[in-house]
Amino acid sequence: MASSPRSPPPPPPPPPPEFEISRQSRIFAALSKKVIDLDELRMLAAQGVPDAAGVRSTVWKLLLGYLPNDRSLWEQELAKKRSQYAAFKDEFLSNPVGRNSATSGKEGNSNDNAEHVDNGLLHRSEVTQEEHPLSLGKTSVWNHFFEYAEIMEQIDRDVKRTHPDMHFFCGDSSFAKSNQESLKNVLLIFAKLNAGIRYVQGMNEILAPLFFVFRSDPDDKNAKFAEADSFFCFVELLSGFRDNFCQKLDNSSVGIRGTLAKLSQLVTKYDAELQHHLEITTEVNPQFYAFRWITLLLTQEFNFADTIHIWDTLLSDPDGPQETLLRICCAMLILVRKRLLAGDFTSNLKLLQNYPPTNISHLLYVANKLH
């Protein structure tokens, strides 16, 4: 077991300007290869991706496996995925109470008594005697309708609360409304395709950085398809955290409680004194603060620009973001250890639920030292 540090490592000196220019040029060079070396790209991206010329949009798509590393296949692959998403929209949004992945089969493939929605209401003529509103069996059209309406209401409520301080997501402009509509579409289609999880509150916060980066791509063609690209990258990103969102696994070793236990073990390994003071002396357990940190990938703890920077590092982990995420969470505790060791239950909980502004480069530097 590592000895408890007296204080976190001091921040490294800022890199000289020529280093940043060199790193940016190396990322451009890595992306220009006919077959991209993903190991090299991960190493470079982990230090931060330059904001210029839509580079981050391309890098994230590569890191999430949405784009193949062979550039010659990009156009073909993008056309296929974007066409597939258009089919999802046609199936699930034009006919939202119709069949989904969980109900497809004999019932879903039948064209008899086709189910349609007009302004969210079923046509009365399409409800058969067996589909009485009080008959809420799993195969009932009404059951699908109420299920859809409930999910849609939650998604709509959450999307409207997404980054209210950013004109990109909120406001009366047609641009903001269009972006909100795209977020809703992605989340609803995800919910319909993943009946075991559906929609969980907060998924909008995980989708937001992806959509922002892809919609902000200066290449108009890519920006136009930001919704489709975000959907597939969102699915890929969430696949690594799926168990954290599955309520049935909450108390298992692979669910969110198991993940929180891993964080506690990590803190014990690098700062046993801090872990003891937090969890034993002041009884501030990880579920009181780190549940949100982990399930929402730190999107609520830092400003949006800092979140994007953190995600460059998270998405660069070849084994998936979770281990890197836990190291960053551990580093967050280490950076405020003096205040935590001097605090009681109330002050420590307040501090960790409202994490103070910090130098993100330093935070990532400390997290990297915890390998």
Protein backbone atom coordinates (compact mmCIF):
# COMPACT_ATOMS: atom_id res chain seq x y z
CA MET A 1 0.00 0.00 0.00
CA ALA A 2 1.31 3.41 -0.91
CA SER A 3 2.01 5.78 1.93
CA SER A 4 -0.41 8.65 2.45
CA PRO A 5 0.87 11.78 0.73
CA ARG A 6 1.25 14.92 2.79
CA SER A 7 -0.04 16.94 -0.13
CA PRO A 8 -0.88 16.32 -3.79
CA PRO A 9 1.93 16.59 -6.34
CA PRO A 10 2.66 20.17 -7.35
CA PRO A 11 1.44 21.15 -10.80
CA PRO A 12 3.94 20.66 -13.60
CA PRO A 13 5.35 23.79 -15.21
CA PRO A 14 3.24 24.94 -18.16
CA PRO A 15 4.52 23.56 -21.47
CA PRO A 16 6.27 26.05 -23.71
CA PRO A 17 4.21 27.34 -26.67
CA GLU A 18 6.32 25.37 -29.11
CA PHE A 19 5.30 22.15 -27.33
CA GLU A 20 1.62 22.89 -27.93
CA ILE A 21 2.31 23.67 -31.58
CA SER A 22 4.31 20.45 -31.89
CA ARG A 23 1.55 18.38 -30.26
CA GLN A 24 -1.08 19.90 -32.52
CA SER A 25 1.00 19.22 -35.61
CA ARG A 26 1.58 15.62 -34.44
CA ILE A 27 -2.19 15.07 -34.12
CA PHE A 28 -2.71 16.51 -37.61
CA ALA A 29 0.02 14.23 -38.90
CA ALA A 30 -1.51 11.20 -37.16
CA LEU A 31 -4.91 11.93 -38.71
CA SER A 32 -3.47 12.37 -42.20
CA LYS A 33 -2.15 8.81 -42.44
CA LYS A 34 -3.96 6.41 -44.76
CA VAL A 35 -4.29 3.94 -41.88
CA ILE A 36 -4.34 5.74 -38.54
CA ASP A 37 -2.31 4.35 -35.65
CA LEU A 38 -4.91 4.38 -32.87
CA ASP A 39 -2.34 3.79 -30.12
CA GLU A 40 -0.45 6.89 -31.24
CA LEU A 41 -3.68 8.88 -31.51
CA ARG A 42 -4.77 7.86 -28.00
CA MET A 43 -1.42 8.90 -26.55
CA LEU A 44 -1.63 12.32 -28.23
CA ALA A 45 -5.32 12.90 -27.53
CA ALA A 46 -4.96 12.03 -23.83
CA GLN A 47 -3.00 15.29 -23.45
CA GLY A 48 -5.83 17.28 -24.99
CA VAL A 49 -7.13 17.72 -28.53
CA PRO A 50 -6.78 21.10 -30.29
CA ASP A 51 -10.07 22.90 -30.93
CA ALA A 52 -9.16 23.99 -34.44
CA ALA A 53 -10.66 22.79 -37.71
CA GLY A 54 -13.00 20.14 -36.36
CA VAL A 55 -10.12 17.97 -35.22
CA ARG A 56 -11.84 16.90 -32.00
CA SER A 57 -14.92 15.74 -33.90
CA THR A 58 -12.80 13.36 -36.00
CA VAL A 59 -10.62 12.26 -33.08
CA TRP A 60 -13.58 11.39 -30.84
CA LYS A 61 -15.25 9.39 -33.61
CA LEU A 62 -12.03 7.41 -34.05
CA LEU A 63 -11.51 6.87 -30.32
CA LEU A 64 -15.08 5.61 -29.95
CA GLY A 65 -14.70 3.21 -32.88
CA TYR A 66 -17.34 4.99 -34.97
CA LEU A 67 -14.81 5.69 -37.71
CA PRO A 68 -12.52 2.87 -38.85
CA ASN A 69 -8.80 3.59 -38.72
CA ASP A 70 -8.59 3.10 -42.52
CA ARG A 71 -9.45 6.50 -44.00
CA SER A 72 -10.51 4.97 -47.33
CA LEU A 73 -13.48 3.36 -45.55
CA TRP A 74 -14.78 6.52 -43.88
CA GLU A 75 -17.20 7.65 -46.57
CA GLN A 76 -18.73 4.21 -46.98
CA GLU A 77 -19.03 3.60 -43.23
CA LEU A 78 -20.56 7.02 -42.52
CA ALA A 79 -23.11 6.61 -45.31
CA LYS A 80 -24.13 3.21 -43.94
CA LYS A 81 -24.49 4.37 -40.33
CA ARG A 82 -26.30 7.58 -41.23
CA SER A 83 -28.73 5.66 -43.41
CA GLN A 84 -29.31 3.21 -40.56
CA TYR A 85 -30.09 6.08 -38.19
CA ALA A 86 -32.56 7.54 -40.70
CA ALA A 87 -34.31 4.14 -40.67
CA PHE A 88 -34.43 4.22 -36.85
CA LYS A 89 -36.04 7.66 -36.96
CA ASP A 90 -38.58 6.48 -39.48
CA GLU A 91 -39.43 3.41 -37.38
CA PHE A 92 -39.42 4.83 -33.87
CA LEU A 93 -40.30 8.50 -34.25
CA SER A 94 -42.87 8.26 -37.04
CA ASN A 95 -44.46 5.33 -35.20
CA PRO A 96 -43.37 5.75 -31.57
CA VAL A 97 -45.82 3.27 -30.04
CA GLY A 98 -45.04 0.65 -32.63
CA ARG A 99 -42.67 -2.23 -32.37
CA ASN A 100 -39.25 -1.87 -30.82
CA SER A 101 -36.31 -4.17 -30.32
CA ALA A 102 -37.87 -5.64 -27.20
CA THR A 103 -41.24 -6.37 -28.80
CA SER A 104 -40.31 -7.20 -32.39
CA GLY A 105 -41.37 -10.63 -33.45
CA LYS A 106 -44.69 -12.03 -34.53
CA GLU A 107 -46.54 -9.10 -33.03
CA GLY A 108 -44.10 -6.48 -34.23
CA ASN A 109 -43.80 -7.77 -37.76
CA SER A 110 -47.54 -7.92 -38.37
CA ASN A 111 -49.05 -5.17 -40.46
CA ASP A 112 -52.54 -5.88 -39.13
CA ASN A 113 -54.04 -3.15 -36.98
CA ALA A 114 -51.03 -0.93 -37.73
CA GLU A 115 -50.30 1.47 -34.88
CA HIS A 116 -49.98 5.17 -35.59
CA VAL A 117 -49.68 8.31 -33.52
CA ASP A 118 -50.99 11.73 -34.44
CA ASN A 119 -49.78 14.48 -32.09
CA GLY A 120 -49.11 11.83 -29.46
CA LEU A 121 -52.63 10.34 -29.53
CA LEU A 122 -53.68 6.97 -30.90
CA HIS A 123 -56.45 6.97 -33.50
CA ARG A 124 -59.52 5.44 -31.81
CA SER A 125 -60.33 3.43 -34.94
CA GLU A 126 -57.09 1.53 -34.55
CA VAL A 127 -57.78 0.34 -31.00
CA THR A 128 -59.46 -3.07 -31.12
CA GLN A 129 -61.77 -4.46 -28.49
CA GLU A 130 -58.90 -6.47 -27.03
CA GLU A 131 -56.91 -3.23 -26.63
CA HIS A 132 -59.15 -1.53 -24.10
CA PRO A 133 -57.37 1.26 -22.15
CA LEU A 134 -57.77 -0.72 -18.92
CA SER A 135 -56.06 -3.71 -20.50
CA LEU A 136 -52.42 -2.82 -19.91
CA GLY A 137 -50.81 -6.10 -20.83
CA LYS A 138 -47.30 -6.00 -22.26
CA THR A 139 -48.62 -6.53 -25.78
CA SER A 140 -51.26 -3.81 -25.48
CA VAL A 141 -50.98 -0.83 -27.81
CA TRP A 142 -52.11 1.33 -24.89
CA ASN A 143 -49.30 0.01 -22.73
CA HIS A 144 -46.83 1.04 -25.42
CA PHE A 145 -48.50 4.43 -25.66
CA PHE A 146 -48.35 5.20 -21.94
CA GLU A 147 -44.79 3.88 -21.74
CA TYR A 148 -43.76 6.09 -24.65
CA ALA A 149 -45.52 9.14 -23.22
CA GLU A 150 -43.82 8.74 -19.82
CA ILE A 151 -40.35 8.33 -21.33
CA MET A 152 -40.92 11.23 -23.72
CA GLU A 153 -42.04 13.49 -20.88
CA GLN A 154 -38.90 12.71 -18.84
CA ILE A 155 -36.61 13.24 -21.85
CA ASP A 156 -38.31 16.51 -22.75
CA ARG A 157 -37.98 17.78 -19.18
CA ASP A 158 -34.29 16.86 -18.94
CA VAL A 159 -33.32 18.20 -22.37
CA LYS A 160 -34.81 21.58 -21.51
CA ARG A 161 -32.55 21.68 -18.44
CA THR A 162 -29.39 20.82 -20.38
CA HIS A 163 -26.79 23.58 -19.95
CA PRO A 164 -29.27 26.46 -19.54
CA ASP A 165 -26.35 28.91 -19.62
CA MET A 166 -25.40 27.98 -23.20
CA HIS A 167 -27.20 29.45 -26.22
CA PHE A 168 -26.27 26.29 -28.12
CA PHE A 169 -28.69 24.25 -26.00
CA CYS A 170 -31.18 26.78 -24.62
CA GLY A 171 -33.12 29.81 -25.73
CA ASP A 172 -35.73 30.75 -28.28
CA SER A 173 -33.47 30.64 -31.33
CA SER A 174 -34.31 28.13 -34.06
CA PHE A 175 -30.74 26.82 -33.69
CA ALA A 176 -31.19 25.98 -29.99
CA LYS A 177 -34.63 24.46 -30.58
CA SER A 178 -33.24 22.33 -33.41
CA ASN A 179 -30.42 21.13 -31.16
CA GLN A 180 -32.88 20.26 -28.39
CA GLU A 181 -34.97 18.30 -30.87
CA SER A 182 -31.91 16.33 -31.94
CA LEU A 183 -31.07 15.45 -28.32
CA LYS A 184 -34.64 14.26 -27.76
CA ASN A 185 -34.58 12.14 -30.90
CA VAL A 186 -31.33 10.39 -29.94
CA LEU A 187 -32.45 9.69 -26.38
CA LEU A 188 -35.85 8.37 -27.38
CA ILE A 189 -34.45 6.06 -30.06
CA PHE A 190 -31.87 4.80 -27.57
CA ALA A 191 -34.66 4.11 -25.05
CA LYS A 192 -36.71 2.19 -27.63
CA LEU A 193 -33.73 0.11 -28.77
CA ASN A 194 -32.52 -0.65 -25.24
CA ALA A 195 -35.63 -1.82 -23.43
CA GLY A 196 -33.56 -3.25 -20.54
CA ILE A 197 -32.31 0.23 -19.62
CA ARG A 198 -34.60 2.62 -21.52
CA TYR A 199 -33.92 6.21 -20.55
CA VAL A 200 -32.26 7.06 -17.25
CA GLN A 201 -32.29 10.62 -15.94
CA GLY A 202 -28.98 12.31 -16.71
CA MET A 203 -28.28 10.57 -20.00
CA ASN A 204 -28.92 13.95 -21.64
CA GLU A 205 -25.82 15.28 -19.88
CA ILE A 206 -23.66 12.52 -21.38
CA LEU A 207 -25.07 13.06 -24.86
CA ALA A 208 -24.59 16.84 -24.76
CA PRO A 209 -20.77 16.99 -25.17
CA LEU A 210 -20.86 14.53 -28.07
CA PHE A 211 -23.57 16.42 -29.91
CA PHE A 212 -21.92 19.79 -29.25
CA VAL A 213 -18.57 18.63 -30.65
CA PHE A 214 -20.10 16.99 -33.74
CA ARG A 215 -22.60 19.80 -34.44
CA SER A 216 -19.78 22.35 -34.17
CA ASP A 217 -17.72 20.61 -36.88
CA PRO A 218 -16.82 23.28 -39.49
CA ASP A 219 -17.41 20.67 -42.21
CA ASP A 220 -21.07 21.36 -43.03
CA LYS A 221 -21.71 17.80 -44.14
CA ASN A 222 -20.50 16.39 -40.84
CA ALA A 223 -22.39 19.04 -38.85
CA LYS A 224 -25.57 18.17 -40.76
CA PHE A 225 -25.33 14.55 -39.59
CA ALA A 226 -24.36 15.37 -36.00
CA GLU A 227 -27.52 13.74 -34.68
CA ALA A 228 -26.83 10.39 -36.35
CA ASP A 229 -23.13 10.45 -35.47
CA SER A 230 -23.94 11.36 -31.85
CA PHE A 231 -26.39 8.48 -31.56
CA PHE A 232 -23.86 5.79 -32.47
CA CYS A 233 -21.06 7.36 -30.42
CA PHE A 234 -23.46 7.72 -27.45
CA VAL A 235 -24.33 4.01 -27.70
CA GLU A 236 -20.65 3.09 -27.85
CA LEU A 237 -19.72 5.33 -24.92
CA LEU A 238 -22.58 4.07 -22.78
CA SER A 239 -21.76 0.44 -23.54
CA GLY A 240 -18.74 0.78 -21.25
CA PHE A 241 -20.94 2.15 -18.46
CA ARG A 242 -24.08 0.14 -19.17
CA ASP A 243 -24.03 -1.71 -15.84
CA ASN A 244 -24.01 1.59 -13.92
CA PHE A 245 -27.39 2.43 -15.44
CA CYS A 246 -28.99 -0.99 -14.98
CA GLN A 247 -31.10 -0.83 -11.83
CA LYS A 248 -31.14 -4.62 -11.47
CA LEU A 249 -27.35 -4.55 -11.05
CA ASP A 250 -27.22 -1.66 -8.55
CA ASN A 251 -26.18 -3.88 -5.64
CA SER A 252 -23.97 -6.25 -7.62
CA SER A 253 -20.21 -6.18 -8.06
CA VAL A 254 -20.60 -4.89 -11.63
CA GLY A 255 -23.27 -2.27 -10.90
CA ILE A 256 -22.83 1.27 -9.63
CA ARG A 257 -22.18 0.14 -6.03
CA GLY A 258 -19.37 -2.08 -7.28
CA THR A 259 -17.91 0.86 -9.17
CA LEU A 260 -18.11 3.07 -6.07
CA ALA A 261 -16.35 0.34 -4.08
CA LYS A 262 -13.52 0.40 -6.64
CA LEU A 263 -13.14 4.13 -6.10
CA SER A 264 -12.96 3.61 -2.33
CA GLN A 265 -10.25 0.96 -2.85
CA LEU A 266 -8.31 3.31 -5.11
CA VAL A 267 -8.39 6.11 -2.55
CA THR A 268 -7.25 3.65 0.14
CA LYS A 269 -4.33 2.59 -2.04
CA TYR A 270 -3.04 6.11 -2.62
CA ASP A 271 -4.20 7.97 0.49
CA ALA A 272 -5.36 5.67 3.28
CA GLU A 273 -5.52 8.53 5.78
CA LEU A 274 -7.92 10.48 3.57
CA GLN A 275 -10.11 7.45 2.89
CA HIS A 276 -10.36 6.66 6.62
CA HIS A 277 -11.23 10.25 7.53
CA LEU A 278 -13.89 10.48 4.83
CA GLU A 279 -15.62 7.14 5.21
CA ILE A 280 -14.97 6.23 8.87
CA THR A 281 -14.47 9.47 10.81
CA THR A 282 -16.92 11.74 8.98
CA GLU A 283 -19.01 8.97 7.35
CA VAL A 284 -19.00 10.62 3.92
CA ASN A 285 -19.39 7.58 1.69
CA PRO A 286 -18.71 7.68 -2.07
CA GLN A 287 -22.39 7.22 -2.95
CA PHE A 288 -23.11 10.66 -1.43
CA TYR A 289 -20.98 12.48 -4.02
CA ALA A 290 -19.28 10.12 -6.49
CA PHE A 291 -22.52 8.54 -7.74
CA ARG A 292 -23.09 11.67 -9.81
CA TRP A 293 -19.42 12.04 -10.72
CA ILE A 294 -19.31 8.54 -12.19
CA THR A 295 -22.74 8.11 -13.77
CA LEU A 296 -22.61 11.53 -15.48
CA LEU A 297 -18.90 11.32 -16.42
CA LEU A 298 -18.06 14.51 -14.48
CA THR A 299 -20.28 16.66 -16.71
CA GLN A 300 -21.86 18.39 -13.69
CA GLU A 301 -18.68 19.09 -11.74
CA PHE A 302 -16.85 21.42 -14.15
CA ASN A 303 -17.68 24.02 -16.75
CA PHE A 304 -18.42 22.78 -20.25
CA ALA A 305 -15.02 23.62 -21.76
CA ASP A 306 -13.24 21.80 -18.93
CA THR A 307 -15.56 18.80 -19.36
CA ILE A 308 -14.58 18.61 -23.03
CA HIS A 309 -10.90 18.65 -22.03
CA ILE A 310 -11.48 15.87 -19.48
CA TRP A 311 -13.31 13.80 -22.08
CA ASP A 312 -10.32 13.98 -24.43
CA THR A 313 -8.50 11.99 -21.76
CA LEU A 314 -11.42 9.71 -20.85
CA LEU A 315 -12.03 8.65 -24.45
CA SER A 316 -8.33 7.97 -24.98
CA ASP A 317 -8.24 5.01 -22.58
CA PRO A 318 -7.84 1.89 -24.75
CA ASP A 319 -9.65 -0.21 -22.11
CA GLY A 320 -12.64 2.11 -21.96
CA PRO A 321 -13.15 5.28 -19.90
CA GLN A 322 -14.04 3.74 -16.54
CA GLU A 323 -10.55 3.17 -15.11
CA THR A 324 -9.41 6.63 -16.15
CA LEU A 325 -12.61 8.10 -14.71
CA LEU A 326 -11.95 6.47 -11.34
CA ARG A 327 -8.38 7.81 -11.30
CA ILE A 328 -9.67 11.32 -12.02
CA CYS A 329 -12.23 11.00 -9.20
CA CYS A 330 -9.47 9.86 -6.85
CA ALA A 331 -7.31 12.80 -7.95
CA MET A 332 -10.21 15.17 -7.24
CA LEU A 333 -10.22 13.98 -3.63
CA ILE A 334 -6.44 14.22 -3.30
CA LEU A 335 -6.42 17.80 -4.61
CA VAL A 336 -8.72 18.95 -1.78
CA ARG A 337 -7.37 16.58 0.90
CA LYS A 338 -6.31 19.34 3.32
CA ARG A 339 -9.83 20.77 3.41
CA LEU A 340 -11.35 17.30 3.68
CA LEU A 341 -9.07 16.25 6.56
CA ALA A 342 -10.00 19.43 8.42
CA GLY A 343 -13.70 19.04 7.71
CA ASP A 344 -16.68 17.31 9.28
CA PHE A 345 -19.58 15.50 7.62
CA THR A 346 -21.46 18.65 6.62
CA SER A 347 -18.53 20.66 5.26
CA ASN A 348 -17.01 17.69 3.41
CA LEU A 349 -20.30 16.75 1.81
CA LYS A 350 -20.87 20.33 0.71
CA LEU A 351 -17.36 20.56 -0.72
CA LEU A 352 -17.63 17.34 -2.72
CA GLN A 353 -21.14 18.00 -3.99
CA ASN A 354 -20.00 21.44 -5.16
CA TYR A 355 -16.45 20.76 -6.28
CA PRO A 356 -14.36 23.96 -6.37
CA PRO A 357 -12.88 25.36 -9.60
CA THR A 358 -9.57 23.71 -10.37
CA ASN A 359 -6.80 23.63 -12.94
CA ILE A 360 -7.92 20.79 -15.21
CA SER A 361 -4.44 20.16 -16.61
CA HIS A 362 -3.14 19.74 -13.06
CA LEU A 363 -6.05 17.45 -12.17
CA LEU A 364 -5.32 15.20 -15.15
CA TYR A 365 -1.61 15.29 -14.32
CA VAL A 366 -2.32 14.01 -10.78
CA ALA A 367 -4.73 11.39 -12.11
CA ASN A 368 -2.08 10.13 -14.52
CA LYS A 369 0.35 9.71 -11.62
CA LEU A 370 -2.07 7.20 -10.04
CA HIS A 371 -1.32 4.52 -12.64
